PDB file of N, CA and C in Angstrom:
ATOM      1  N   UNK A   1       2.363  54.238  27.102  1.00  0.00           N
ATOM      2  CA  UNK A   1       0.933  54.400  27.002  1.00  0.00           C
ATOM      3  C   UNK A   1       0.668  55.859  26.614  1.00  0.00           C
ATOM      4  N   UNK A   2      -0.178  56.094  25.603  1.00  0.00           N
ATOM      5  CA  UNK A   2      -0.479  57.470  25.208  1.00  0.00           C
ATOM      6  C   UNK A   2      -1.067  58.284  26.364  1.00  0.00           C
ATOM      7  N   UNK A   3      -0.718  59.532  26.418  1.00  0.00           N
ATOM      8  CA  UNK A   3      -1.222  60.473  27.430  1.00  0.00           C
ATOM      9  C   UNK A   3      -0.709  60.205  28.837  1.00  0.00           C
ATOM     10  N   UNK A   4       0.237  59.298  28.971  1.00  0.00           N
ATOM     11  CA  UNK A   4       0.828  59.039  30.294  1.00  0.00           C
ATOM     12  C   UNK A   4       2.333  59.218  30.157  1.00  0.00           C
ATOM     13  N   UNK A   5       2.802  60.353  30.657  1.00  0.00           N
ATOM     14  CA  UNK A   5       4.224  60.628  30.614  1.00  0.00           C
ATOM     15  C   UNK A   5       4.943  59.965  31.777  1.00  0.00           C
ATOM     16  N   UNK A   6       6.250  60.155  31.866  1.00  0.00           N
ATOM     17  CA  UNK A   6       7.036  59.511  32.915  1.00  0.00           C
ATOM     18  C   UNK A   6       6.617  59.900  34.334  1.00  0.00           C
ATOM     19  N   UNK A   7       6.258  61.157  34.545  1.00  0.00           N
ATOM     20  CA  UNK A   7       5.865  61.586  35.896  1.00  0.00           C
ATOM     21  C   UNK A   7       4.556  60.929  36.319  1.00  0.00           C
ATOM     22  N   UNK A   8       3.575  60.912  35.418  1.00  0.00           N
ATOM     23  CA  UNK A   8       2.293  60.296  35.741  1.00  0.00           C
ATOM     24  C   UNK A   8       2.454  58.786  35.902  1.00  0.00           C
ATOM     25  N   UNK A   9       3.269  58.169  35.065  1.00  0.00           N
ATOM     26  CA  UNK A   9       3.526  56.730  35.192  1.00  0.00           C
ATOM     27  C   UNK A   9       4.134  56.426  36.559  1.00  0.00           C
ATOM     28  N   UNK A  10       5.049  57.272  37.001  1.00  0.00           N
ATOM     29  CA  UNK A  10       5.662  57.095  38.316  1.00  0.00           C
ATOM     30  C   UNK A  10       4.627  57.220  39.426  1.00  0.00           C
ATOM     31  N   UNK A  11       3.732  58.210  39.317  1.00  0.00           N
ATOM     32  CA  UNK A  11       2.678  58.374  40.328  1.00  0.00           C
ATOM     33  C   UNK A  11       1.737  57.171  40.345  1.00  0.00           C
ATOM     34  N   UNK A  12       1.413  56.639  39.166  1.00  0.00           N
ATOM     35  CA  UNK A  12       0.555  55.453  39.087  1.00  0.00           C
ATOM     36  C   UNK A  12       1.204  54.266  39.795  1.00  0.00           C
ATOM     37  N   UNK A  13       2.472  54.033  39.500  1.00  0.00           N
ATOM     38  CA  UNK A  13       3.164  52.907  40.133  1.00  0.00           C
ATOM     39  C   UNK A  13       3.299  53.103  41.634  1.00  0.00           C
ATOM     40  N   UNK A  14       3.557  54.317  42.053  1.00  0.00           N
ATOM     41  CA  UNK A  14       3.668  54.596  43.487  1.00  0.00           C
ATOM     42  C   UNK A  14       2.321  54.365  44.176  1.00  0.00           C
ATOM     43  N   UNK A  15       1.247  54.806  43.556  1.00  0.00           N
ATOM     44  CA  UNK A  15      -0.089  54.679  44.146  1.00  0.00           C
ATOM     45  C   UNK A  15      -0.548  53.224  44.197  1.00  0.00           C
ATOM     46  N   UNK A  16      -0.331  52.483  43.109  1.00  0.00           N
ATOM     47  CA  UNK A  16      -0.854  51.119  43.010  1.00  0.00           C
ATOM     48  C   UNK A  16       0.169  50.036  43.368  1.00  0.00           C
ATOM     49  N   UNK A  17       1.417  50.412  43.534  1.00  0.00           N
ATOM     50  CA  UNK A  17       2.502  49.507  43.952  1.00  0.00           C
ATOM     51  C   UNK A  17       3.016  48.553  42.884  1.00  0.00           C
ATOM     52  N   UNK A  18       2.251  48.264  41.830  1.00  0.00           N
ATOM     53  CA  UNK A  18       2.753  47.406  40.755  1.00  0.00           C
ATOM     54  C   UNK A  18       1.937  47.627  39.481  1.00  0.00           C
ATOM     55  N   UNK A  19       2.496  47.197  38.372  1.00  0.00           N
ATOM     56  CA  UNK A  19       1.868  47.418  37.071  1.00  0.00           C
ATOM     57  C   UNK A  19       0.546  46.663  36.958  1.00  0.00           C
ATOM     58  N   UNK A  20       0.497  45.446  37.463  1.00  0.00           N
ATOM     59  CA  UNK A  20      -0.735  44.651  37.372  1.00  0.00           C
ATOM     60  C   UNK A  20      -1.911  45.381  38.022  1.00  0.00           C
ATOM     61  N   UNK A  21      -1.669  46.001  39.158  1.00  0.00           N
ATOM     62  CA  UNK A  21      -2.735  46.730  39.854  1.00  0.00           C
ATOM     63  C   UNK A  21      -3.222  47.920  39.027  1.00  0.00           C
ATOM     64  N   UNK A  22      -2.326  48.556  38.298  1.00  0.00           N
ATOM     65  CA  UNK A  22      -2.726  49.665  37.417  1.00  0.00           C
ATOM     66  C   UNK A  22      -3.650  49.138  36.323  1.00  0.00           C
ATOM     67  N   UNK A  23      -3.305  47.983  35.756  1.00  0.00           N
ATOM     68  CA  UNK A  23      -4.087  47.417  34.658  1.00  0.00           C
ATOM     69  C   UNK A  23      -5.499  47.029  35.073  1.00  0.00           C
ATOM     70  N   UNK A  24      -5.700  46.669  36.333  1.00  0.00           N
ATOM     71  CA  UNK A  24      -7.036  46.246  36.770  1.00  0.00           C
ATOM     72  C   UNK A  24      -7.783  47.340  37.538  1.00  0.00           C
ATOM     73  N   UNK A  25      -7.143  48.491  37.704  1.00  0.00           N
ATOM     74  CA  UNK A  25      -7.762  49.586  38.463  1.00  0.00           C
ATOM     75  C   UNK A  25      -8.993  50.136  37.742  1.00  0.00           C
ATOM     76  N   UNK A  26     -10.002  50.471  38.515  1.00  0.00           N
ATOM     77  CA  UNK A  26     -11.212  51.090  37.967  1.00  0.00           C
ATOM     78  C   UNK A  26     -10.940  52.564  37.658  1.00  0.00           C
ATOM     79  N   UNK A  27     -11.860  53.176  36.923  1.00  0.00           N
ATOM     80  CA  UNK A  27     -11.742  54.612  36.659  1.00  0.00           C
ATOM     81  C   UNK A  27     -11.706  55.389  37.967  1.00  0.00           C
ATOM     82  N   UNK A  28     -12.559  55.020  38.906  1.00  0.00           N
ATOM     83  CA  UNK A  28     -12.610  55.720  40.198  1.00  0.00           C
ATOM     84  C   UNK A  28     -11.281  55.601  40.926  1.00  0.00           C
ATOM     85  N   UNK A  29     -10.668  54.431  40.879  1.00  0.00           N
ATOM     86  CA  UNK A  29      -9.374  54.237  41.540  1.00  0.00           C
ATOM     87  C   UNK A  29      -8.292  55.057  40.843  1.00  0.00           C
ATOM     88  N   UNK A  30      -8.312  55.090  39.518  1.00  0.00           N
ATOM     89  CA  UNK A  30      -7.332  55.880  38.773  1.00  0.00           C
ATOM     90  C   UNK A  30      -7.455  57.361  39.110  1.00  0.00           C
ATOM     91  N   UNK A  31      -8.685  57.828  39.315  1.00  0.00           N
ATOM     92  CA  UNK A  31      -8.912  59.240  39.615  1.00  0.00           C
ATOM     93  C   UNK A  31      -8.362  59.650  40.980  1.00  0.00           C
ATOM     94  N   UNK A  32      -8.011  58.706  41.810  1.00  0.00           N
ATOM     95  CA  UNK A  32      -7.415  59.021  43.108  1.00  0.00           C
ATOM     96  C   UNK A  32      -5.947  59.424  42.971  1.00  0.00           C
ATOM     97  N   UNK A  33      -5.366  59.176  41.805  1.00  0.00           N
ATOM     98  CA  UNK A  33      -3.970  59.526  41.550  1.00  0.00           C
ATOM     99  C   UNK A  33      -3.903  60.987  41.120  1.00  0.00           C
ATOM    100  N   UNK A  34      -2.995  61.736  41.731  1.00  0.00           N
ATOM    101  CA  UNK A  34      -2.816  63.145  41.397  1.00  0.00           C
ATOM    102  C   UNK A  34      -2.532  63.296  39.907  1.00  0.00           C
ATOM    103  N   UNK A  35      -3.280  64.160  39.242  1.00  0.00           N
ATOM    104  CA  UNK A  35      -3.070  64.410  37.822  1.00  0.00           C
ATOM    105  C   UNK A  35      -4.001  63.627  36.914  1.00  0.00           C
ATOM    106  N   UNK A  36      -4.869  62.800  37.495  1.00  0.00           N
ATOM    107  CA  UNK A  36      -5.814  62.031  36.689  1.00  0.00           C
ATOM    108  C   UNK A  36      -7.232  62.448  37.041  1.00  0.00           C
ATOM    109  N   UNK A  37      -7.891  63.008  36.048  1.00  0.00           N
ATOM    110  CA  UNK A  37      -9.295  63.375  36.204  1.00  0.00           C
ATOM    111  C   UNK A  37     -10.171  62.341  35.514  1.00  0.00           C
ATOM    112  N   UNK A  38     -11.436  62.644  35.432  1.00  0.00           N
ATOM    113  CA  UNK A  38     -12.409  61.706  34.863  1.00  0.00           C
ATOM    114  C   UNK A  38     -12.072  61.337  33.417  1.00  0.00           C
ATOM    115  N   UNK A  39     -11.771  62.328  32.590  1.00  0.00           N
ATOM    116  CA  UNK A  39     -11.492  62.061  31.176  1.00  0.00           C
ATOM    117  C   UNK A  39     -10.238  61.212  30.998  1.00  0.00           C
ATOM    118  N   UNK A  40      -9.179  61.553  31.726  1.00  0.00           N
ATOM    119  CA  UNK A  40      -7.932  60.798  31.589  1.00  0.00           C
ATOM    120  C   UNK A  40      -8.104  59.383  32.122  1.00  0.00           C
ATOM    121  N   UNK A  41      -8.828  59.224  33.229  1.00  0.00           N
ATOM    122  CA  UNK A  41      -9.076  57.893  33.788  1.00  0.00           C
ATOM    123  C   UNK A  41      -9.842  57.041  32.779  1.00  0.00           C
ATOM    124  N   UNK A  42     -10.838  57.636  32.143  1.00  0.00           N
ATOM    125  CA  UNK A  42     -11.633  56.913  31.146  1.00  0.00           C
ATOM    126  C   UNK A  42     -10.758  56.485  29.973  1.00  0.00           C
ATOM    127  N   UNK A  43      -9.907  57.393  29.505  1.00  0.00           N
ATOM    128  CA  UNK A  43      -9.032  57.086  28.374  1.00  0.00           C
ATOM    129  C   UNK A  43      -8.037  55.986  28.734  1.00  0.00           C
ATOM    130  N   UNK A  44      -7.472  56.041  29.936  1.00  0.00           N
ATOM    131  CA  UNK A  44      -6.530  55.006  30.377  1.00  0.00           C
ATOM    132  C   UNK A  44      -7.232  53.649  30.418  1.00  0.00           C
ATOM    133  N   UNK A  45      -8.440  53.605  30.974  1.00  0.00           N
ATOM    134  CA  UNK A  45      -9.195  52.336  31.037  1.00  0.00           C
ATOM    135  C   UNK A  45      -9.456  51.806  29.628  1.00  0.00           C
ATOM    136  N   UNK A  46      -9.830  52.691  28.698  1.00  0.00           N
ATOM    137  CA  UNK A  46     -10.080  52.265  27.317  1.00  0.00           C
ATOM    138  C   UNK A  46      -8.822  51.678  26.693  1.00  0.00           C
ATOM    139  N   UNK A  47      -7.696  52.328  26.904  1.00  0.00           N
ATOM    140  CA  UNK A  47      -6.431  51.843  26.350  1.00  0.00           C
ATOM    141  C   UNK A  47      -6.075  50.486  26.952  1.00  0.00           C
ATOM    142  N   UNK A  48      -6.213  50.358  28.253  1.00  0.00           N
ATOM    143  CA  UNK A  48      -5.825  49.113  28.921  1.00  0.00           C
ATOM    144  C   UNK A  48      -6.750  47.951  28.578  1.00  0.00           C
ATOM    145  N   UNK A  49      -8.009  48.219  28.328  1.00  0.00           N
ATOM    146  CA  UNK A  49      -8.931  47.126  28.014  1.00  0.00           C
ATOM    147  C   UNK A  49      -8.889  46.733  26.541  1.00  0.00           C
ATOM    148  N   UNK A  50      -8.273  47.556  25.704  1.00  0.00           N
ATOM    149  CA  UNK A  50      -8.160  47.225  24.283  1.00  0.00           C
ATOM    150  C   UNK A  50      -6.760  46.773  23.908  1.00  0.00           C
ATOM    151  N   UNK A  51      -5.901  46.585  24.890  1.00  0.00           N
ATOM    152  CA  UNK A  51      -4.514  46.159  24.617  1.00  0.00           C
ATOM    153  C   UNK A  51      -4.408  44.658  24.606  1.00  0.00           C
TER     154      UNK A  51
END
């Protein structure tokens, strides 16, 4: 996924416990992960909803 390197991907999986939960997470939920701010959360949601 663009803008998500291995460290951030690892933090996402650790926070949400599985890939499916990452795909359905809201922007607010994504922002709870260390290293994800409002802009990055918005971009991740856009990427996941257009895939």
